């Protein structure tokens, strides 16, 4: 079931980027490894910049194609799913990355292809 359009995705991008920056502080990430906090904040900043640069209606500069944006999102999901294993995240640190990885992977996999015009 693919129902997430380019427009819906664009509306999700900015709040998700901000959440990736703010939530690690609110949740107290980093107890098992300080990188758990840092990775999320850096990813959030990069996601915000990526969204500003993406060619969709909420992109400010529109120099990166939406397809490239989706590929980056997919790669971030994979990194988030693997990070707890690679960096020995435990507890909330691990759960945070697994939940976010699954969420991003779900959004990317539910992307509705655009019709060619």
PDB file of N, CA and C in Angstrom:
ATOM      1  N   UNK A   1       0.853  -1.176   0.000  1.00  0.00           N
ATOM      2  CA  UNK A   1       0.000   0.000   0.000  1.00  0.00           C
ATOM      3  C   UNK A   1       0.899   1.239   0.000  1.00  0.00           C
ATOM      4  N   UNK A   2       0.963   1.897  -1.126  1.00  0.00           N
ATOM      5  CA  UNK A   2       1.816   3.077  -1.285  1.00  0.00           C
ATOM      6  C   UNK A   2       0.947   4.326  -1.374  1.00  0.00           C
ATOM      7  N   UNK A   3       1.007   5.132  -0.334  1.00  0.00           N
ATOM      8  CA  UNK A   3       0.143   6.307  -0.289  1.00  0.00           C
ATOM      9  C   UNK A   3       0.872   7.586   0.105  1.00  0.00           C
ATOM     10  N   UNK A   4       2.144   7.493   0.428  1.00  0.00           N
ATOM     11  CA  UNK A   4       2.874   8.692   0.836  1.00  0.00           C
ATOM     12  C   UNK A   4       3.398   9.392  -0.415  1.00  0.00           C
ATOM     13  N   UNK A   5       2.795  10.513  -0.702  1.00  0.00           N
ATOM     14  CA  UNK A   5       3.155  11.290  -1.893  1.00  0.00           C
ATOM     15  C   UNK A   5       4.356  12.191  -1.585  1.00  0.00           C
ATOM     16  N   UNK A   6       4.886  12.767  -2.627  1.00  0.00           N
ATOM     17  CA  UNK A   6       5.983  13.719  -2.491  1.00  0.00           C
ATOM     18  C   UNK A   6       5.574  14.878  -1.578  1.00  0.00           C
ATOM     19  N   UNK A   7       4.330  15.309  -1.714  1.00  0.00           N
ATOM     20  CA  UNK A   7       3.810  16.421  -0.902  1.00  0.00           C
ATOM     21  C   UNK A   7       3.737  16.032   0.579  1.00  0.00           C
ATOM     22  N   UNK A   8       3.195  14.856   0.874  1.00  0.00           N
ATOM     23  CA  UNK A   8       3.099  14.390   2.261  1.00  0.00           C
ATOM     24  C   UNK A   8       4.500  14.244   2.844  1.00  0.00           C
ATOM     25  N   UNK A   9       5.397  13.654   2.067  1.00  0.00           N
ATOM     26  CA  UNK A   9       6.778  13.460   2.517  1.00  0.00           C
ATOM     27  C   UNK A   9       7.417  14.805   2.870  1.00  0.00           C
ATOM     28  N   UNK A  10       7.190  15.808   2.042  1.00  0.00           N
ATOM     29  CA  UNK A  10       7.762  17.140   2.287  1.00  0.00           C
ATOM     30  C   UNK A  10       7.271  17.702   3.619  1.00  0.00           C
ATOM     31  N   UNK A  11       6.003  17.503   3.934  1.00  0.00           N
ATOM     32  CA  UNK A  11       5.462  18.000   5.200  1.00  0.00           C
ATOM     33  C   UNK A  11       6.020  17.240   6.408  1.00  0.00           C
ATOM     34  N   UNK A  12       6.468  16.021   6.211  1.00  0.00           N
ATOM     35  CA  UNK A  12       7.051  15.228   7.302  1.00  0.00           C
ATOM     36  C   UNK A  12       8.508  15.610   7.569  1.00  0.00           C
ATOM     37  N   UNK A  13       9.211  16.038   6.545  1.00  0.00           N
ATOM     38  CA  UNK A  13      10.655  16.230   6.632  1.00  0.00           C
ATOM     39  C   UNK A  13      11.111  17.221   7.702  1.00  0.00           C
ATOM     40  N   UNK A  14      10.543  18.419   7.735  1.00  0.00           N
ATOM     41  CA  UNK A  14      11.006  19.421   8.693  1.00  0.00           C
ATOM     42  C   UNK A  14      10.742  19.012  10.149  1.00  0.00           C
ATOM     43  N   UNK A  15       9.528  18.538  10.492  1.00  0.00           N
ATOM     44  CA  UNK A  15       9.309  18.115  11.884  1.00  0.00           C
ATOM     45  C   UNK A  15      10.203  16.936  12.289  1.00  0.00           C
ATOM     46  N   UNK A  16      10.456  16.020  11.374  1.00  0.00           N
ATOM     47  CA  UNK A  16      11.326  14.885  11.684  1.00  0.00           C
ATOM     48  C   UNK A  16      12.757  15.378  11.934  1.00  0.00           C
ATOM     49  N   UNK A  17      13.237  16.280  11.108  1.00  0.00           N
ATOM     50  CA  UNK A  17      14.594  16.825  11.297  1.00  0.00           C
ATOM     51  C   UNK A  17      14.714  17.509  12.663  1.00  0.00           C
ATOM     52  N   UNK A  18      13.717  18.297  13.009  1.00  0.00           N
ATOM     53  CA  UNK A  18      13.737  18.987  14.309  1.00  0.00           C
ATOM     54  C   UNK A  18      13.661  17.976  15.451  1.00  0.00           C
ATOM     55  N   UNK A  19      12.844  16.942  15.294  1.00  0.00           N
ATOM     56  CA  UNK A  19      12.735  15.906  16.333  1.00  0.00           C
ATOM     57  C   UNK A  19      14.068  15.191  16.523  1.00  0.00           C
ATOM     58  N   UNK A  20      14.774  14.915  15.429  1.00  0.00           N
ATOM     59  CA  UNK A  20      16.074  14.250  15.538  1.00  0.00           C
ATOM     60  C   UNK A  20      17.094  15.112  16.286  1.00  0.00           C
ATOM     61  N   UNK A  21      16.909  16.419  16.246  1.00  0.00           N
ATOM     62  CA  UNK A  21      17.811  17.331  16.952  1.00  0.00           C
ATOM     63  C   UNK A  21      17.411  17.460  18.428  1.00  0.00           C
ATOM     64  N   UNK A  22      16.122  17.522  18.707  1.00  0.00           N
ATOM     65  CA  UNK A  22      15.628  17.817  20.055  1.00  0.00           C
ATOM     66  C   UNK A  22      15.435  16.564  20.919  1.00  0.00           C
ATOM     67  N   UNK A  23      14.876  15.504  20.352  1.00  0.00           N
ATOM     68  CA  UNK A  23      14.539  14.320  21.150  1.00  0.00           C
ATOM     69  C   UNK A  23      15.701  13.688  21.912  1.00  0.00           C
ATOM     70  N   UNK A  24      16.903  13.644  21.356  1.00  0.00           N
ATOM     71  CA  UNK A  24      17.997  13.043  22.132  1.00  0.00           C
ATOM     72  C   UNK A  24      18.215  13.733  23.485  1.00  0.00           C
ATOM     73  N   UNK A  25      18.000  15.049  23.534  1.00  0.00           N
ATOM     74  CA  UNK A  25      18.157  15.781  24.789  1.00  0.00           C
ATOM     75  C   UNK A  25      16.991  15.491  25.732  1.00  0.00           C
ATOM     76  N   UNK A  26      15.787  15.465  25.176  1.00  0.00           N
ATOM     77  CA  UNK A  26      14.604  15.195  26.000  1.00  0.00           C
ATOM     78  C   UNK A  26      14.598  13.774  26.554  1.00  0.00           C
ATOM     79  N   UNK A  27      15.099  12.832  25.768  1.00  0.00           N
ATOM     80  CA  UNK A  27      15.103  11.428  26.181  1.00  0.00           C
ATOM     81  C   UNK A  27      16.370  11.034  26.946  1.00  0.00           C
ATOM     82  N   UNK A  28      17.341  11.932  26.991  1.00  0.00           N
ATOM     83  CA  UNK A  28      18.586  11.637  27.685  1.00  0.00           C
ATOM     84  C   UNK A  28      19.413  10.565  27.000  1.00  0.00           C
ATOM     85  N   UNK A  29      19.447  10.603  25.678  1.00  0.00           N
ATOM     86  CA  UNK A  29      20.242   9.608  24.951  1.00  0.00           C
ATOM     87  C   UNK A  29      21.722   9.768  25.277  1.00  0.00           C
ATOM     88  N   UNK A  30      22.451   8.690  25.112  1.00  0.00           N
ATOM     89  CA  UNK A  30      23.885   8.717  25.298  1.00  0.00           C
ATOM     90  C   UNK A  30      24.370   7.963  26.517  1.00  0.00           C
ATOM     91  N   UNK A  31      23.472   7.299  27.229  1.00  0.00           N
ATOM     92  CA  UNK A  31      23.901   6.579  28.441  1.00  0.00           C
ATOM     93  C   UNK A  31      24.780   5.375  28.123  1.00  0.00           C
ATOM     94  N   UNK A  32      24.530   4.731  26.993  1.00  0.00           N
ATOM     95  CA  UNK A  32      25.355   3.575  26.641  1.00  0.00           C
ATOM     96  C   UNK A  32      26.554   3.973  25.777  1.00  0.00           C
ATOM     97  N   UNK A  33      26.434   5.112  25.105  1.00  0.00           N
ATOM     98  CA  UNK A  33      27.508   5.613  24.253  1.00  0.00           C
ATOM     99  C   UNK A  33      27.140   7.049  23.878  1.00  0.00           C
ATOM    100  N   UNK A  34      28.003   8.021  24.138  1.00  0.00           N
ATOM    101  CA  UNK A  34      27.695   9.415  23.815  1.00  0.00           C
ATOM    102  C   UNK A  34      27.349   9.628  22.335  1.00  0.00           C
ATOM    103  N   UNK A  35      27.828   8.740  21.485  1.00  0.00           N
ATOM    104  CA  UNK A  35      27.540   8.841  20.054  1.00  0.00           C
ATOM    105  C   UNK A  35      26.038   8.715  19.769  1.00  0.00           C
ATOM    106  N   UNK A  36      25.292   8.090  20.659  1.00  0.00           N
ATOM    107  CA  UNK A  36      23.850   7.945  20.457  1.00  0.00           C
ATOM    108  C   UNK A  36      23.179   9.312  20.364  1.00  0.00           C
ATOM    109  N   UNK A  37      23.620  10.257  21.170  1.00  0.00           N
ATOM    110  CA  UNK A  37      23.065  11.613  21.095  1.00  0.00           C
ATOM    111  C   UNK A  37      23.611  12.338  19.872  1.00  0.00           C
ATOM    112  N   UNK A  38      24.891  12.270  19.680  1.00  0.00           N
ATOM    113  CA  UNK A  38      25.546  13.024  18.615  1.00  0.00           C
ATOM    114  C   UNK A  38      25.070  12.600  17.226  1.00  0.00           C
ATOM    115  N   UNK A  39      24.914  11.302  17.009  1.00  0.00           N
ATOM    116  CA  UNK A  39      24.491  10.796  15.700  1.00  0.00           C
ATOM    117  C   UNK A  39      23.119  11.338  15.321  1.00  0.00           C
ATOM    118  N   UNK A  40      22.207  11.368  16.267  1.00  0.00           N
ATOM    119  CA  UNK A  40      20.866  11.861  15.982  1.00  0.00           C
ATOM    120  C   UNK A  40      20.876  13.357  15.670  1.00  0.00           C
ATOM    121  N   UNK A  41      21.609  14.132  16.475  1.00  0.00           N
ATOM    122  CA  UNK A  41      21.659  15.587  16.264  1.00  0.00           C
ATOM    123  C   UNK A  41      22.280  15.916  14.908  1.00  0.00           C
ATOM    124  N   UNK A  42      23.387  15.282  14.589  1.00  0.00           N
ATOM    125  CA  UNK A  42      24.050  15.522  13.300  1.00  0.00           C
ATOM    126  C   UNK A  42      23.146  15.091  12.146  1.00  0.00           C
ATOM    127  N   UNK A  43      22.471  13.954  12.303  1.00  0.00           N
ATOM    128  CA  UNK A  43      21.552  13.486  11.265  1.00  0.00           C
ATOM    129  C   UNK A  43      20.386  14.452  11.110  1.00  0.00           C
ATOM    130  N   UNK A  44      19.879  14.980  12.215  1.00  0.00           N
ATOM    131  CA  UNK A  44      18.790  15.959  12.156  1.00  0.00           C
ATOM    132  C   UNK A  44      19.182  17.222  11.420  1.00  0.00           C
ATOM    133  N   UNK A  45      20.383  17.719  11.697  1.00  0.00           N
ATOM    134  CA  UNK A  45      20.873  18.915  10.998  1.00  0.00           C
ATOM    135  C   UNK A  45      21.036  18.624   9.508  1.00  0.00           C
ATOM    136  N   UNK A  46      21.610  17.472   9.184  1.00  0.00           N
ATOM    137  CA  UNK A  46      21.779  17.088   7.776  1.00  0.00           C
ATOM    138  C   UNK A  46      20.429  16.918   7.095  1.00  0.00           C
ATOM    139  N   UNK A  47      19.451  16.338   7.802  1.00  0.00           N
ATOM    140  CA  UNK A  47      18.110  16.147   7.234  1.00  0.00           C
ATOM    141  C   UNK A  47      17.438  17.492   6.965  1.00  0.00           C
ATOM    142  N   UNK A  48      17.636  18.446   7.852  1.00  0.00           N
ATOM    143  CA  UNK A  48      17.065  19.782   7.655  1.00  0.00           C
ATOM    144  C   UNK A  48      17.665  20.434   6.408  1.00  0.00           C
ATOM    145  N   UNK A  49      18.978  20.339   6.278  1.00  0.00           N
ATOM    146  CA  UNK A  49      19.653  20.900   5.103  1.00  0.00           C
ATOM    147  C   UNK A  49      19.210  20.177   3.830  1.00  0.00           C
ATOM    148  N   UNK A  50      19.131  18.847   3.890  1.00  0.00           N
ATOM    149  CA  UNK A  50      18.673  18.071   2.731  1.00  0.00           C
ATOM    150  C   UNK A  50      17.279  18.510   2.299  1.00  0.00           C
ATOM    151  N   UNK A  51      16.398  18.736   3.259  1.00  0.00           N
ATOM    152  CA  UNK A  51      15.028  19.157   2.951  1.00  0.00           C
ATOM    153  C   UNK A  51      15.019  20.541   2.310  1.00  0.00           C
ATOM    154  N   UNK A  52      15.834  21.446   2.814  1.00  0.00           N
ATOM    155  CA  UNK A  52      15.933  22.779   2.214  1.00  0.00           C
ATOM    156  C   UNK A  52      16.397  22.708   0.761  1.00  0.00           C
ATOM    157  N   UNK A  53      17.236  21.715   0.459  1.00  0.00           N
ATOM    158  CA  UNK A  53      17.835  21.606  -0.872  1.00  0.00           C
ATOM    159  C   UNK A  53      17.052  20.711  -1.837  1.00  0.00           C
ATOM    160  N   UNK A  54      16.004  20.031  -1.336  1.00  0.00           N
ATOM    161  CA  UNK A  54      15.273  19.067  -2.164  1.00  0.00           C
ATOM    162  C   UNK A  54      14.271  19.757  -3.086  1.00  0.00           C
ATOM    163  N   UNK A  55      14.149  19.197  -4.271  1.00  0.00           N
ATOM    164  CA  UNK A  55      13.213  19.712  -5.273  1.00  0.00           C
ATOM    165  C   UNK A  55      11.798  19.202  -4.992  1.00  0.00           C
ATOM    166  N   UNK A  56      11.166  19.830  -3.991  1.00  0.00           N
ATOM    167  CA  UNK A  56       9.746  19.630  -3.732  1.00  0.00           C
ATOM    168  C   UNK A  56       9.180  20.957  -3.251  1.00  0.00           C
ATOM    169  N   UNK A  57       7.874  21.037  -3.071  1.00  0.00           N
ATOM    170  CA  UNK A  57       7.249  22.339  -2.833  1.00  0.00           C
ATOM    171  C   UNK A  57       7.693  23.035  -1.546  1.00  0.00           C
ATOM    172  N   UNK A  58       8.287  22.336  -0.599  1.00  0.00           N
ATOM    173  CA  UNK A  58       8.789  22.973   0.617  1.00  0.00           C
ATOM    174  C   UNK A  58      10.306  23.161   0.609  1.00  0.00           C
ATOM    175  N   UNK A  59      10.948  22.775  -0.480  1.00  0.00           N
ATOM    176  CA  UNK A  59      12.390  22.984  -0.614  1.00  0.00           C
ATOM    177  C   UNK A  59      12.668  24.440  -0.936  1.00  0.00           C
ATOM    178  N   UNK A  60      13.645  25.016  -0.274  1.00  0.00           N
ATOM    179  CA  UNK A  60      13.959  26.431  -0.481  1.00  0.00           C
ATOM    180  C   UNK A  60      14.849  26.654  -1.698  1.00  0.00           C
ATOM    181  N   UNK A  61      15.733  25.694  -1.984  1.00  0.00           N
ATOM    182  CA  UNK A  61      16.696  25.898  -3.061  1.00  0.00           C
ATOM    183  C   UNK A  61      16.533  24.914  -4.214  1.00  0.00           C
ATOM    184  N   UNK A  62      15.973  23.756  -3.962  1.00  0.00           N
ATOM    185  CA  UNK A  62      15.580  22.765  -4.969  1.00  0.00           C
ATOM    186  C   UNK A  62      16.696  22.353  -5.928  1.00  0.00           C
ATOM    187  N   UNK A  63      17.827  21.986  -5.376  1.00  0.00           N
ATOM    188  CA  UNK A  63      18.950  21.562  -6.207  1.00  0.00           C
ATOM    189  C   UNK A  63      19.192  20.053  -6.149  1.00  0.00           C
ATOM    190  N   UNK A  64      18.549  19.360  -5.219  1.00  0.00           N
ATOM    191  CA  UNK A  64      18.682  17.906  -5.097  1.00  0.00           C
ATOM    192  C   UNK A  64      17.365  17.271  -5.523  1.00  0.00           C
ATOM    193  N   UNK A  65      17.441  16.294  -6.402  1.00  0.00           N
ATOM    194  CA  UNK A  65      16.217  15.655  -6.875  1.00  0.00           C
ATOM    195  C   UNK A  65      15.532  14.898  -5.732  1.00  0.00           C
ATOM    196  N   UNK A  66      14.240  14.750  -5.861  1.00  0.00           N
ATOM    197  CA  UNK A  66      13.466  14.029  -4.855  1.00  0.00           C
ATOM    198  C   UNK A  66      13.903  12.568  -4.783  1.00  0.00           C
ATOM    199  N   UNK A  67      14.280  11.993  -5.914  1.00  0.00           N
ATOM    200  CA  UNK A  67      14.744  10.601  -5.930  1.00  0.00           C
ATOM    201  C   UNK A  67      16.023  10.437  -5.101  1.00  0.00           C
ATOM    202  N   UNK A  68      16.936  11.377  -5.225  1.00  0.00           N
ATOM    203  CA  UNK A  68      18.165  11.345  -4.420  1.00  0.00           C
ATOM    204  C   UNK A  68      17.793  11.473  -2.939  1.00  0.00           C
ATOM    205  N   UNK A  69      16.849  12.340  -2.633  1.00  0.00           N
ATOM    206  CA  UNK A  69      16.381  12.515  -1.264  1.00  0.00           C
ATOM    207  C   UNK A  69      15.871  11.180  -0.698  1.00  0.00           C
ATOM    208  N   UNK A  70      15.084  10.463  -1.486  1.00  0.00           N
ATOM    209  CA  UNK A  70      14.563   9.163  -1.036  1.00  0.00           C
ATOM    210  C   UNK A  70      15.691   8.156  -0.809  1.00  0.00           C
ATOM    211  N   UNK A  71      16.697   8.180  -1.658  1.00  0.00           N
ATOM    212  CA  UNK A  71      17.845   7.273  -1.496  1.00  0.00           C
ATOM    213  C   UNK A  71      18.581   7.597  -0.195  1.00  0.00           C
ATOM    214  N   UNK A  72      18.787   8.883   0.078  1.00  0.00           N
ATOM    215  CA  UNK A  72      19.443   9.288   1.324  1.00  0.00           C
ATOM    216  C   UNK A  72      18.611   8.841   2.522  1.00  0.00           C
ATOM    217  N   UNK A  73      17.300   9.033   2.464  1.00  0.00           N
ATOM    218  CA  UNK A  73      16.421   8.581   3.554  1.00  0.00           C
ATOM    219  C   UNK A  73      16.563   7.075   3.779  1.00  0.00           C
ATOM    220  N   UNK A  74      16.594   6.312   2.704  1.00  0.00           N
ATOM    221  CA  UNK A  74      16.748   4.861   2.813  1.00  0.00           C
ATOM    222  C   UNK A  74      18.080   4.510   3.495  1.00  0.00           C
ATOM    223  N   UNK A  75      19.143   5.181   3.083  1.00  0.00           N
ATOM    224  CA  UNK A  75      20.457   4.915   3.668  1.00  0.00           C
ATOM    225  C   UNK A  75      20.498   5.287   5.150  1.00  0.00           C
ATOM    226  N   UNK A  76      19.847   6.388   5.513  1.00  0.00           N
ATOM    227  CA  UNK A  76      19.759   6.781   6.925  1.00  0.00           C
ATOM    228  C   UNK A  76      19.020   5.712   7.719  1.00  0.00           C
ATOM    229  N   UNK A  77      17.940   5.184   7.164  1.00  0.00           N
ATOM    230  CA  UNK A  77      17.191   4.125   7.852  1.00  0.00           C
ATOM    231  C   UNK A  77      18.071   2.908   8.110  1.00  0.00           C
ATOM    232  N   UNK A  78      18.853   2.520   7.129  1.00  0.00           N
ATOM    233  CA  UNK A  78      19.734   1.372   7.290  1.00  0.00           C
ATOM    234  C   UNK A  78      20.795   1.649   8.358  1.00  0.00           C
ATOM    235  N   UNK A  79      21.381   2.835   8.320  1.00  0.00           N
ATOM    236  CA  UNK A  79      22.385   3.211   9.332  1.00  0.00           C
ATOM    237  C   UNK A  79      21.752   3.189  10.724  1.00  0.00           C
ATOM    238  N   UNK A  80      20.541   3.739  10.853  1.00  0.00           N
ATOM    239  CA  UNK A  80      19.878   3.761  12.158  1.00  0.00           C
ATOM    240  C   UNK A  80      19.586   2.346  12.657  1.00  0.00           C
ATOM    241  N   UNK A  81      19.200   1.463  11.772  1.00  0.00           N
ATOM    242  CA  UNK A  81      18.913   0.088  12.185  1.00  0.00           C
ATOM    243  C   UNK A  81      20.192  -0.655  12.602  1.00  0.00           C
ATOM    244  N   UNK A  82      21.308  -0.325  11.988  1.00  0.00           N
ATOM    245  CA  UNK A  82      22.568  -1.007  12.285  1.00  0.00           C
ATOM    246  C   UNK A  82      23.346  -0.352  13.427  1.00  0.00           C
ATOM    247  N   UNK A  83      23.122   0.934  13.686  1.00  0.00           N
ATOM    248  CA  UNK A  83      23.903   1.688  14.670  1.00  0.00           C
ATOM    249  C   UNK A  83      23.963   1.031  16.047  1.00  0.00           C
ATOM    250  N   UNK A  84      22.845   0.514  16.590  1.00  0.00           N
ATOM    251  CA  UNK A  84      22.942  -0.107  17.918  1.00  0.00           C
ATOM    252  C   UNK A  84      23.911  -1.290  17.963  1.00  0.00           C
ATOM    253  N   UNK A  85      24.009  -2.022  16.869  1.00  0.00           N
ATOM    254  CA  UNK A  85      24.929  -3.163  16.813  1.00  0.00           C
ATOM    255  C   UNK A  85      26.374  -2.696  16.642  1.00  0.00           C
ATOM    256  N   UNK A  86      26.577  -1.731  15.772  1.00  0.00           N
ATOM    257  CA  UNK A  86      27.922  -1.254  15.460  1.00  0.00           C
ATOM    258  C   UNK A  86      28.533  -0.488  16.635  1.00  0.00           C
ATOM    259  N   UNK A  87      27.712   0.358  17.293  1.00  0.00           N
ATOM    260  CA  UNK A  87      28.228   1.228  18.351  1.00  0.00           C
ATOM    261  C   UNK A  87      27.870   0.758  19.763  1.00  0.00           C
ATOM    262  N   UNK A  88      27.341  -0.448  19.882  1.00  0.00           N
ATOM    263  CA  UNK A  88      26.982  -1.035  21.178  1.00  0.00           C
ATOM    264  C   UNK A  88      25.987  -0.170  21.968  1.00  0.00           C
ATOM    265  N   UNK A  89      25.010   0.407  21.252  1.00  0.00           N
ATOM    266  CA  UNK A  89      23.956   1.142  21.950  1.00  0.00           C
ATOM    267  C   UNK A  89      23.096   0.132  22.695  1.00  0.00           C
ATOM    268  N   UNK A  90      22.670   0.497  23.900  1.00  0.00           N
ATOM    269  CA  UNK A  90      21.811  -0.369  24.694  1.00  0.00           C
ATOM    270  C   UNK A  90      20.630   0.437  25.224  1.00  0.00           C
ATOM    271  N   UNK A  91      19.611  -0.258  25.662  1.00  0.00           N
ATOM    272  CA  UNK A  91      18.455   0.391  26.275  1.00  0.00           C
ATOM    273  C   UNK A  91      17.794   1.388  25.350  1.00  0.00           C
ATOM    274  N   UNK A  92      17.464   2.553  25.917  1.00  0.00           N
ATOM    275  CA  UNK A  92      16.736   3.561  25.135  1.00  0.00           C
ATOM    276  C   UNK A  92      17.539   4.024  23.930  1.00  0.00           C
ATOM    277  N   UNK A  93      18.865   4.028  24.046  1.00  0.00           N
ATOM    278  CA  UNK A  93      19.696   4.419  22.903  1.00  0.00           C
ATOM    279  C   UNK A  93      19.427   3.500  21.706  1.00  0.00           C
ATOM    280  N   UNK A  94      19.406   2.209  21.966  1.00  0.00           N
ATOM    281  CA  UNK A  94      19.165   1.237  20.889  1.00  0.00           C
ATOM    282  C   UNK A  94      17.739   1.336  20.379  1.00  0.00           C
ATOM    283  N   UNK A  95      16.778   1.378  21.297  1.00  0.00           N
ATOM    284  CA  UNK A  95      15.359   1.429  20.887  1.00  0.00           C
ATOM    285  C   UNK A  95      15.064   2.672  20.051  1.00  0.00           C
ATOM    286  N   UNK A  96      15.657   3.783  20.421  1.00  0.00           N
ATOM    287  CA  UNK A  96      15.464   5.044  19.689  1.00  0.00           C
ATOM    288  C   UNK A  96      15.858   4.863  18.216  1.00  0.00           C
ATOM    289  N   UNK A  97      17.013   4.251  17.986  1.00  0.00           N
ATOM    290  CA  UNK A  97      17.482   4.090  16.605  1.00  0.00           C
ATOM    291  C   UNK A  97      16.687   3.026  15.859  1.00  0.00           C
ATOM    292  N   UNK A  98      16.310   1.962  16.530  1.00  0.00           N
ATOM    293  CA  UNK A  98      15.504   0.948  15.856  1.00  0.00           C
ATOM    294  C   UNK A  98      14.137   1.497  15.470  1.00  0.00           C
ATOM    295  N   UNK A  99      13.497   2.223  16.372  1.00  0.00           N
ATOM    296  CA  UNK A  99      12.170   2.800  16.068  1.00  0.00           C
ATOM    297  C   UNK A  99      12.273   3.807  14.937  1.00  0.00           C
ATOM    298  N   UNK A 100      13.267   4.693  15.006  1.00  0.00           N
ATOM    299  CA  UNK A 100      13.429   5.684  13.939  1.00  0.00           C
ATOM    300  C   UNK A 100      13.805   5.037  12.615  1.00  0.00           C
ATOM    301  N   UNK A 101      14.657   4.036  12.645  1.00  0.00           N
ATOM    302  CA  UNK A 101      15.033   3.331  11.424  1.00  0.00           C
ATOM    303  C   UNK A 101      13.839   2.666  10.767  1.00  0.00           C
ATOM    304  N   UNK A 102      13.015   2.002  11.575  1.00  0.00           N
ATOM    305  CA  UNK A 102      11.804   1.355  11.044  1.00  0.00           C
ATOM    306  C   UNK A 102      10.839   2.400  10.500  1.00  0.00           C
ATOM    307  N   UNK A 103      10.695   3.530  11.197  1.00  0.00           N
ATOM    308  CA  UNK A 103       9.786   4.589  10.743  1.00  0.00           C
ATOM    309  C   UNK A 103      10.232   5.162   9.399  1.00  0.00           C
ATOM    310  N   UNK A 104      11.515   5.457   9.269  1.00  0.00           N
ATOM    311  CA  UNK A 104      12.019   6.027   8.011  1.00  0.00           C
ATOM    312  C   UNK A 104      11.910   5.001   6.888  1.00  0.00           C
ATOM    313  N   UNK A 105      12.260   3.772   7.171  1.00  0.00           N
ATOM    314  CA  UNK A 105      12.151   2.715   6.166  1.00  0.00           C
ATOM    315  C   UNK A 105      10.697   2.536   5.724  1.00  0.00           C
ATOM    316  N   UNK A 106       9.776   2.633   6.659  1.00  0.00           N
ATOM    317  CA  UNK A 106       8.344   2.516   6.333  1.00  0.00           C
ATOM    318  C   UNK A 106       7.893   3.649   5.419  1.00  0.00           C
ATOM    319  N   UNK A 107       8.301   4.870   5.748  1.00  0.00           N
ATOM    320  CA  UNK A 107       7.908   6.023   4.925  1.00  0.00           C
ATOM    321  C   UNK A 107       8.456   5.874   3.510  1.00  0.00           C
ATOM    322  N   UNK A 108       9.716   5.503   3.396  1.00  0.00           N
ATOM    323  CA  UNK A 108      10.325   5.340   2.072  1.00  0.00           C
ATOM    324  C   UNK A 108       9.639   4.216   1.300  1.00  0.00           C
ATOM    325  N   UNK A 109       9.339   3.116   1.978  1.00  0.00           N
ATOM    326  CA  UNK A 109       8.720   1.980   1.278  1.00  0.00           C
ATOM    327  C   UNK A 109       7.260   2.246   0.908  1.00  0.00           C
ATOM    328  N   UNK A 110       6.622   3.187   1.577  1.00  0.00           N
ATOM    329  CA  UNK A 110       5.229   3.518   1.254  1.00  0.00           C
ATOM    330  C   UNK A 110       5.119   4.710   0.302  1.00  0.00           C
ATOM    331  N   UNK A 111       6.257   5.100  -0.278  1.00  0.00           N
ATOM    332  CA  UNK A 111       6.258   6.205  -1.243  1.00  0.00           C
ATOM    333  C   UNK A 111       5.454   5.829  -2.482  1.00  0.00           C
ATOM    334  N   UNK A 112       4.546   6.705  -2.827  1.00  0.00           N
ATOM    335  CA  UNK A 112       3.722   6.499  -4.018  1.00  0.00           C
ATOM    336  C   UNK A 112       4.470   7.063  -5.232  1.00  0.00           C
ATOM    337  N   UNK A 113       4.807   6.210  -6.194  1.00  0.00           N
ATOM    338  CA  UNK A 113       5.527   6.708  -7.379  1.00  0.00           C
ATOM    339  C   UNK A 113       4.728   7.798  -8.099  1.00  0.00           C
ATOM    340  N   UNK A 114       5.440   8.766  -8.607  1.00  0.00           N
ATOM    341  CA  UNK A 114       4.793   9.846  -9.344  1.00  0.00           C
ATOM    342  C   UNK A 114       4.550   9.418 -10.778  1.00  0.00           C
ATOM    343  N   UNK A 115       3.464   9.893 -11.325  1.00  0.00           N
ATOM    344  CA  UNK A 115       3.160   9.601 -12.722  1.00  0.00           C
ATOM    345  C   UNK A 115       3.994  10.505 -13.616  1.00  0.00           C
ATOM    346  N   UNK A 116       4.548   9.933 -14.654  1.00  0.00           N
ATOM    347  CA  UNK A 116       5.323  10.710 -15.610  1.00  0.00           C
ATOM    348  C   UNK A 116       4.391  11.535 -16.460  1.00  0.00           C
ATOM    349  N   UNK A 117       4.740  12.793 -16.664  1.00  0.00           N
ATOM    350  CA  UNK A 117       3.920  13.664 -17.506  1.00  0.00           C
ATOM    351  C   UNK A 117       4.683  14.167 -18.688  1.00  0.00           C
TER     352      UNK A 117
END
